[in-house]
N, C-alpha and C. Protein backbone atom coordinates (compact mmCIF):
# COMPACT_ATOMS: atom_id res chain seq x y z
N MET A 1 -185.50 -172.86 -74.90
CA MET A 1 -185.34 -173.13 -73.48
C MET A 1 -183.88 -172.93 -73.11
N GLY A 2 -183.63 -172.35 -71.95
CA GLY A 2 -182.28 -172.10 -71.47
C GLY A 2 -181.66 -173.34 -70.87
N MET A 3 -180.52 -173.15 -70.23
CA MET A 3 -179.82 -174.24 -69.59
C MET A 3 -180.66 -174.81 -68.44
N THR A 4 -180.67 -176.12 -68.34
CA THR A 4 -181.37 -176.77 -67.24
C THR A 4 -180.35 -177.51 -66.38
N VAL A 5 -180.65 -177.63 -65.10
CA VAL A 5 -179.76 -178.32 -64.18
C VAL A 5 -180.52 -179.34 -63.37
N SER A 6 -179.77 -180.32 -62.89
CA SER A 6 -180.27 -181.27 -61.92
C SER A 6 -179.66 -180.89 -60.59
N ALA A 7 -180.48 -180.60 -59.61
CA ALA A 7 -180.00 -180.22 -58.29
C ALA A 7 -179.85 -181.48 -57.44
N VAL A 8 -178.74 -181.55 -56.71
CA VAL A 8 -178.46 -182.70 -55.86
C VAL A 8 -178.43 -182.25 -54.41
N ILE A 9 -179.22 -182.93 -53.58
CA ILE A 9 -179.22 -182.67 -52.13
C ILE A 9 -178.83 -183.98 -51.45
N VAL A 10 -177.82 -183.90 -50.59
CA VAL A 10 -177.44 -185.07 -49.81
C VAL A 10 -178.04 -184.90 -48.41
N ASN A 11 -178.89 -185.84 -48.02
CA ASN A 11 -179.56 -185.78 -46.72
C ASN A 11 -178.90 -186.74 -45.76
N TYR A 12 -178.53 -186.21 -44.60
CA TYR A 12 -178.09 -187.06 -43.49
C TYR A 12 -178.67 -186.44 -42.22
N HIS A 13 -179.82 -186.92 -41.83
CA HIS A 13 -180.55 -186.43 -40.65
C HIS A 13 -180.86 -184.93 -40.76
N THR A 14 -181.25 -184.49 -41.94
CA THR A 14 -181.62 -183.09 -42.15
C THR A 14 -182.98 -182.97 -42.82
N ALA A 15 -183.84 -183.96 -42.61
CA ALA A 15 -185.14 -184.00 -43.28
C ALA A 15 -185.99 -182.76 -43.00
N SER A 16 -185.82 -182.14 -41.85
CA SER A 16 -186.64 -180.96 -41.52
C SER A 16 -186.33 -179.77 -42.43
N PHE A 17 -185.15 -179.76 -43.04
CA PHE A 17 -184.78 -178.66 -43.93
C PHE A 17 -185.17 -178.90 -45.38
N LEU A 18 -185.53 -180.13 -45.72
CA LEU A 18 -185.78 -180.48 -47.12
C LEU A 18 -186.99 -179.79 -47.74
N PRO A 19 -188.13 -179.65 -47.04
CA PRO A 19 -189.27 -178.98 -47.70
C PRO A 19 -188.93 -177.57 -48.18
N GLY A 20 -188.21 -176.79 -47.38
CA GLY A 20 -187.82 -175.44 -47.78
C GLY A 20 -186.87 -175.45 -48.96
N ALA A 21 -185.91 -176.38 -48.93
CA ALA A 21 -184.95 -176.47 -50.03
C ALA A 21 -185.64 -176.88 -51.33
N VAL A 22 -186.54 -177.85 -51.24
CA VAL A 22 -187.27 -178.30 -52.43
C VAL A 22 -188.16 -177.19 -52.97
N LYS A 23 -188.80 -176.44 -52.07
CA LYS A 23 -189.66 -175.33 -52.50
C LYS A 23 -188.85 -174.28 -53.26
N GLU A 24 -187.68 -173.92 -52.72
CA GLU A 24 -186.83 -172.92 -53.39
C GLU A 24 -186.36 -173.42 -54.75
N LEU A 25 -185.89 -174.64 -54.81
CA LEU A 25 -185.40 -175.19 -56.07
C LEU A 25 -186.52 -175.36 -57.09
N SER A 26 -187.70 -175.76 -56.62
CA SER A 26 -188.84 -175.95 -57.53
C SER A 26 -189.27 -174.65 -58.19
N GLY A 27 -189.02 -173.54 -57.52
CA GLY A 27 -189.38 -172.23 -58.08
C GLY A 27 -188.42 -171.72 -59.13
N ASN A 28 -187.32 -172.42 -59.34
CA ASN A 28 -186.33 -172.01 -60.33
C ASN A 28 -186.66 -172.70 -61.66
N PRO A 29 -186.93 -171.93 -62.72
CA PRO A 29 -187.32 -172.55 -63.99
C PRO A 29 -186.20 -173.35 -64.65
N ASN A 30 -184.96 -173.17 -64.22
CA ASN A 30 -183.85 -173.92 -64.81
C ASN A 30 -183.65 -175.30 -64.18
N VAL A 31 -184.29 -175.54 -63.05
CA VAL A 31 -184.15 -176.83 -62.37
C VAL A 31 -185.11 -177.82 -63.00
N GLN A 32 -184.56 -178.84 -63.63
CA GLN A 32 -185.39 -179.86 -64.28
C GLN A 32 -185.58 -181.09 -63.41
N GLN A 33 -184.76 -181.22 -62.36
CA GLN A 33 -184.77 -182.44 -61.57
C GLN A 33 -184.14 -182.13 -60.21
N ILE A 34 -184.72 -182.67 -59.16
CA ILE A 34 -184.15 -182.55 -57.82
C ILE A 34 -183.92 -183.96 -57.30
N LEU A 35 -182.66 -184.30 -57.14
CA LEU A 35 -182.29 -185.62 -56.66
C LEU A 35 -181.87 -185.51 -55.20
N ILE A 36 -182.56 -186.22 -54.33
CA ILE A 36 -182.23 -186.22 -52.90
C ILE A 36 -181.67 -187.59 -52.56
N VAL A 37 -180.38 -187.61 -52.20
CA VAL A 37 -179.75 -188.85 -51.77
C VAL A 37 -179.91 -188.94 -50.26
N ASP A 38 -180.61 -189.96 -49.81
CA ASP A 38 -180.90 -190.12 -48.38
C ASP A 38 -179.86 -191.04 -47.76
N ASN A 39 -178.85 -190.46 -47.14
CA ASN A 39 -177.79 -191.23 -46.50
C ASN A 39 -178.13 -191.66 -45.08
N SER A 40 -179.34 -191.34 -44.63
CA SER A 40 -179.71 -191.70 -43.26
C SER A 40 -180.85 -192.71 -43.21
N GLY A 41 -181.44 -193.03 -44.34
CA GLY A 41 -182.53 -193.99 -44.37
C GLY A 41 -183.81 -193.49 -43.73
N GLU A 42 -183.95 -192.15 -43.57
CA GLU A 42 -185.13 -191.62 -42.89
C GLU A 42 -186.24 -191.18 -43.85
N LEU A 43 -185.99 -191.19 -45.14
CA LEU A 43 -186.99 -190.74 -46.10
C LEU A 43 -187.57 -191.92 -46.86
N SER A 44 -188.77 -191.73 -47.35
CA SER A 44 -189.38 -192.71 -48.23
C SER A 44 -189.86 -191.97 -49.47
N SER A 45 -190.23 -192.70 -50.50
CA SER A 45 -190.67 -192.05 -51.74
C SER A 45 -191.92 -191.21 -51.51
N GLY A 46 -192.69 -191.51 -50.48
CA GLY A 46 -193.90 -190.75 -50.17
C GLY A 46 -193.67 -189.73 -49.07
N SER A 47 -192.53 -189.10 -49.06
CA SER A 47 -192.19 -188.16 -47.99
C SER A 47 -192.88 -186.82 -48.09
N GLY A 48 -193.69 -186.62 -49.14
CA GLY A 48 -194.40 -185.36 -49.29
C GLY A 48 -193.51 -184.22 -49.77
N LEU A 49 -192.42 -184.54 -50.42
CA LEU A 49 -191.52 -183.52 -50.94
C LEU A 49 -191.85 -183.25 -52.40
N GLY A 50 -192.57 -182.18 -52.65
CA GLY A 50 -192.97 -181.83 -54.01
C GLY A 50 -194.08 -182.73 -54.51
N ASP A 51 -194.40 -182.57 -55.77
CA ASP A 51 -195.50 -183.35 -56.35
C ASP A 51 -195.01 -184.63 -57.03
N GLY A 52 -193.72 -184.89 -56.96
CA GLY A 52 -193.19 -186.10 -57.56
C GLY A 52 -192.69 -185.94 -58.97
N SER A 53 -193.00 -184.83 -59.62
CA SER A 53 -192.55 -184.66 -60.99
C SER A 53 -191.09 -184.21 -61.07
N LEU A 54 -190.63 -183.46 -60.08
CA LEU A 54 -189.25 -182.99 -60.06
C LEU A 54 -188.37 -183.77 -59.10
N VAL A 55 -188.95 -184.21 -58.00
CA VAL A 55 -188.18 -184.78 -56.89
C VAL A 55 -188.07 -186.29 -57.03
N GLU A 56 -186.83 -186.77 -56.91
CA GLU A 56 -186.59 -188.21 -56.86
C GLU A 56 -185.71 -188.49 -55.66
N ILE A 57 -186.14 -189.43 -54.82
CA ILE A 57 -185.37 -189.79 -53.63
C ILE A 57 -184.58 -191.05 -53.93
N ILE A 58 -183.29 -190.99 -53.64
CA ILE A 58 -182.39 -192.13 -53.82
C ILE A 58 -182.05 -192.64 -52.42
N PRO A 59 -182.64 -193.76 -52.01
CA PRO A 59 -182.42 -194.25 -50.64
C PRO A 59 -181.12 -195.02 -50.50
N ASN A 60 -180.42 -194.78 -49.41
CA ASN A 60 -179.26 -195.58 -49.02
C ASN A 60 -179.51 -196.08 -47.61
N GLU A 61 -179.28 -197.34 -47.39
CA GLU A 61 -179.49 -197.92 -46.06
C GLU A 61 -178.41 -197.49 -45.08
N VAL A 62 -177.23 -197.16 -45.60
CA VAL A 62 -176.11 -196.72 -44.77
C VAL A 62 -175.59 -195.40 -45.31
N ASN A 63 -174.87 -194.67 -44.46
CA ASN A 63 -174.25 -193.41 -44.87
C ASN A 63 -173.05 -193.72 -45.75
N ARG A 64 -173.18 -193.40 -47.04
CA ARG A 64 -172.10 -193.68 -47.99
C ARG A 64 -171.08 -192.55 -48.03
N GLY A 65 -171.35 -191.48 -47.32
CA GLY A 65 -170.47 -190.32 -47.35
C GLY A 65 -170.93 -189.33 -48.40
N PHE A 66 -170.56 -188.06 -48.21
CA PHE A 66 -171.01 -186.98 -49.08
C PHE A 66 -170.57 -187.19 -50.53
N GLY A 67 -169.29 -187.43 -50.74
CA GLY A 67 -168.77 -187.57 -52.10
C GLY A 67 -169.41 -188.71 -52.86
N ALA A 68 -169.54 -189.86 -52.23
CA ALA A 68 -170.15 -191.02 -52.88
C ALA A 68 -171.61 -190.75 -53.19
N ALA A 69 -172.30 -190.05 -52.29
CA ALA A 69 -173.72 -189.74 -52.52
C ALA A 69 -173.88 -188.79 -53.69
N VAL A 70 -173.01 -187.78 -53.78
CA VAL A 70 -173.07 -186.84 -54.91
C VAL A 70 -172.81 -187.59 -56.21
N ASN A 71 -171.80 -188.43 -56.23
CA ASN A 71 -171.50 -189.20 -57.44
C ASN A 71 -172.65 -190.12 -57.82
N GLN A 72 -173.31 -190.69 -56.83
CA GLN A 72 -174.46 -191.55 -57.08
C GLN A 72 -175.57 -190.77 -57.77
N ALA A 73 -175.84 -189.56 -57.30
CA ALA A 73 -176.89 -188.74 -57.90
C ALA A 73 -176.50 -188.23 -59.28
N VAL A 74 -175.25 -187.80 -59.44
CA VAL A 74 -174.80 -187.27 -60.73
C VAL A 74 -174.92 -188.34 -61.81
N ALA A 75 -174.69 -189.59 -61.44
CA ALA A 75 -174.83 -190.68 -62.41
C ALA A 75 -176.28 -190.81 -62.91
N MET A 76 -177.24 -190.37 -62.11
CA MET A 76 -178.65 -190.45 -62.48
C MET A 76 -179.20 -189.15 -63.06
N ALA A 77 -178.40 -188.10 -63.01
CA ALA A 77 -178.88 -186.78 -63.41
C ALA A 77 -178.99 -186.68 -64.92
N GLY A 78 -179.94 -185.85 -65.36
CA GLY A 78 -180.10 -185.58 -66.78
C GLY A 78 -179.62 -184.17 -67.09
N GLY A 79 -179.28 -183.91 -68.33
CA GLY A 79 -178.86 -182.56 -68.73
C GLY A 79 -177.59 -182.14 -68.05
N PHE A 80 -177.55 -180.91 -67.59
CA PHE A 80 -176.40 -180.41 -66.86
C PHE A 80 -176.46 -180.93 -65.44
N SER A 81 -175.31 -181.13 -64.84
CA SER A 81 -175.23 -181.60 -63.47
C SER A 81 -174.39 -180.64 -62.67
N GLN A 82 -174.82 -180.36 -61.47
CA GLN A 82 -174.04 -179.49 -60.60
C GLN A 82 -173.34 -180.36 -59.58
N LYS A 83 -172.01 -180.26 -59.55
CA LYS A 83 -171.22 -181.05 -58.62
C LYS A 83 -170.67 -180.13 -57.54
N ALA A 84 -170.85 -180.50 -56.30
CA ALA A 84 -170.36 -179.68 -55.20
C ALA A 84 -169.38 -180.49 -54.36
N SER A 85 -168.34 -179.84 -53.92
CA SER A 85 -167.37 -180.49 -53.05
C SER A 85 -166.84 -179.47 -52.07
N ARG A 86 -167.27 -179.58 -50.83
CA ARG A 86 -166.81 -178.70 -49.76
C ARG A 86 -166.86 -177.22 -50.15
N GLY A 87 -168.01 -176.79 -50.65
CA GLY A 87 -168.22 -175.38 -50.93
C GLY A 87 -167.82 -174.92 -52.31
N ARG A 88 -167.10 -175.73 -53.05
CA ARG A 88 -166.73 -175.37 -54.42
C ARG A 88 -167.70 -176.02 -55.37
N VAL A 89 -168.21 -175.25 -56.31
CA VAL A 89 -169.23 -175.75 -57.22
C VAL A 89 -168.76 -175.57 -58.65
N SER A 90 -168.95 -176.59 -59.45
CA SER A 90 -168.71 -176.47 -60.89
C SER A 90 -169.87 -177.14 -61.60
N ILE A 91 -170.18 -176.65 -62.76
CA ILE A 91 -171.28 -177.21 -63.54
C ILE A 91 -170.67 -177.82 -64.80
N THR A 92 -170.99 -179.07 -65.06
CA THR A 92 -170.46 -179.74 -66.23
C THR A 92 -171.60 -180.32 -67.05
N ARG A 93 -171.40 -180.36 -68.35
CA ARG A 93 -172.37 -180.99 -69.23
C ARG A 93 -171.97 -182.44 -69.38
N LYS A 94 -172.93 -183.34 -69.26
CA LYS A 94 -172.62 -184.75 -69.41
C LYS A 94 -172.01 -185.00 -70.79
N LYS A 95 -171.06 -185.91 -70.83
CA LYS A 95 -170.37 -186.33 -72.05
C LYS A 95 -169.50 -185.22 -72.62
N MET A 96 -169.10 -184.27 -71.81
CA MET A 96 -168.17 -183.23 -72.23
C MET A 96 -166.98 -183.22 -71.30
N ASN A 97 -165.84 -182.86 -71.79
CA ASN A 97 -164.64 -182.81 -70.98
C ASN A 97 -164.40 -181.43 -70.40
N ARG A 98 -164.97 -180.39 -70.99
CA ARG A 98 -164.70 -179.02 -70.57
C ARG A 98 -165.68 -178.61 -69.48
N PRO A 99 -165.19 -178.24 -68.27
CA PRO A 99 -166.11 -177.80 -67.21
C PRO A 99 -166.60 -176.38 -67.43
N TYR A 100 -167.80 -176.12 -66.96
CA TYR A 100 -168.38 -174.79 -66.97
C TYR A 100 -168.23 -174.21 -65.58
N LYS A 101 -167.75 -173.00 -65.47
CA LYS A 101 -167.57 -172.38 -64.16
C LYS A 101 -168.88 -171.76 -63.70
N SER A 102 -169.16 -171.88 -62.42
CA SER A 102 -170.38 -171.30 -61.88
C SER A 102 -170.15 -169.81 -61.64
N ALA A 103 -171.24 -169.08 -61.46
CA ALA A 103 -171.15 -167.64 -61.21
C ALA A 103 -170.66 -167.36 -59.80
N GLY A 104 -170.86 -168.30 -58.89
CA GLY A 104 -170.44 -168.12 -57.50
C GLY A 104 -168.99 -168.50 -57.30
N LYS A 105 -168.58 -168.51 -56.05
CA LYS A 105 -167.20 -168.89 -55.73
C LYS A 105 -166.99 -170.37 -55.85
């Protein structure tokens, strides 16, 4: 099996875009987990996003901010984790100090 990643989506009043994002990510064989941090409190575990095997919703009652939400999800992620910050992406392996550079910018 190749490298697997946990995809992190931070939701803040963007629920209408989530089904398409989940569908695209679910079609990628390297995605082992999709973590959706709900910073708007508008989602529930039964939101109909995927079949439940890949998607996990992390509810927040208040908007914790993008960075805090990403860190919250990365703490729960398994395998490789993708961290994003204002358009810059790096992939790191948990318990390793050396970052892996992504193919993109």
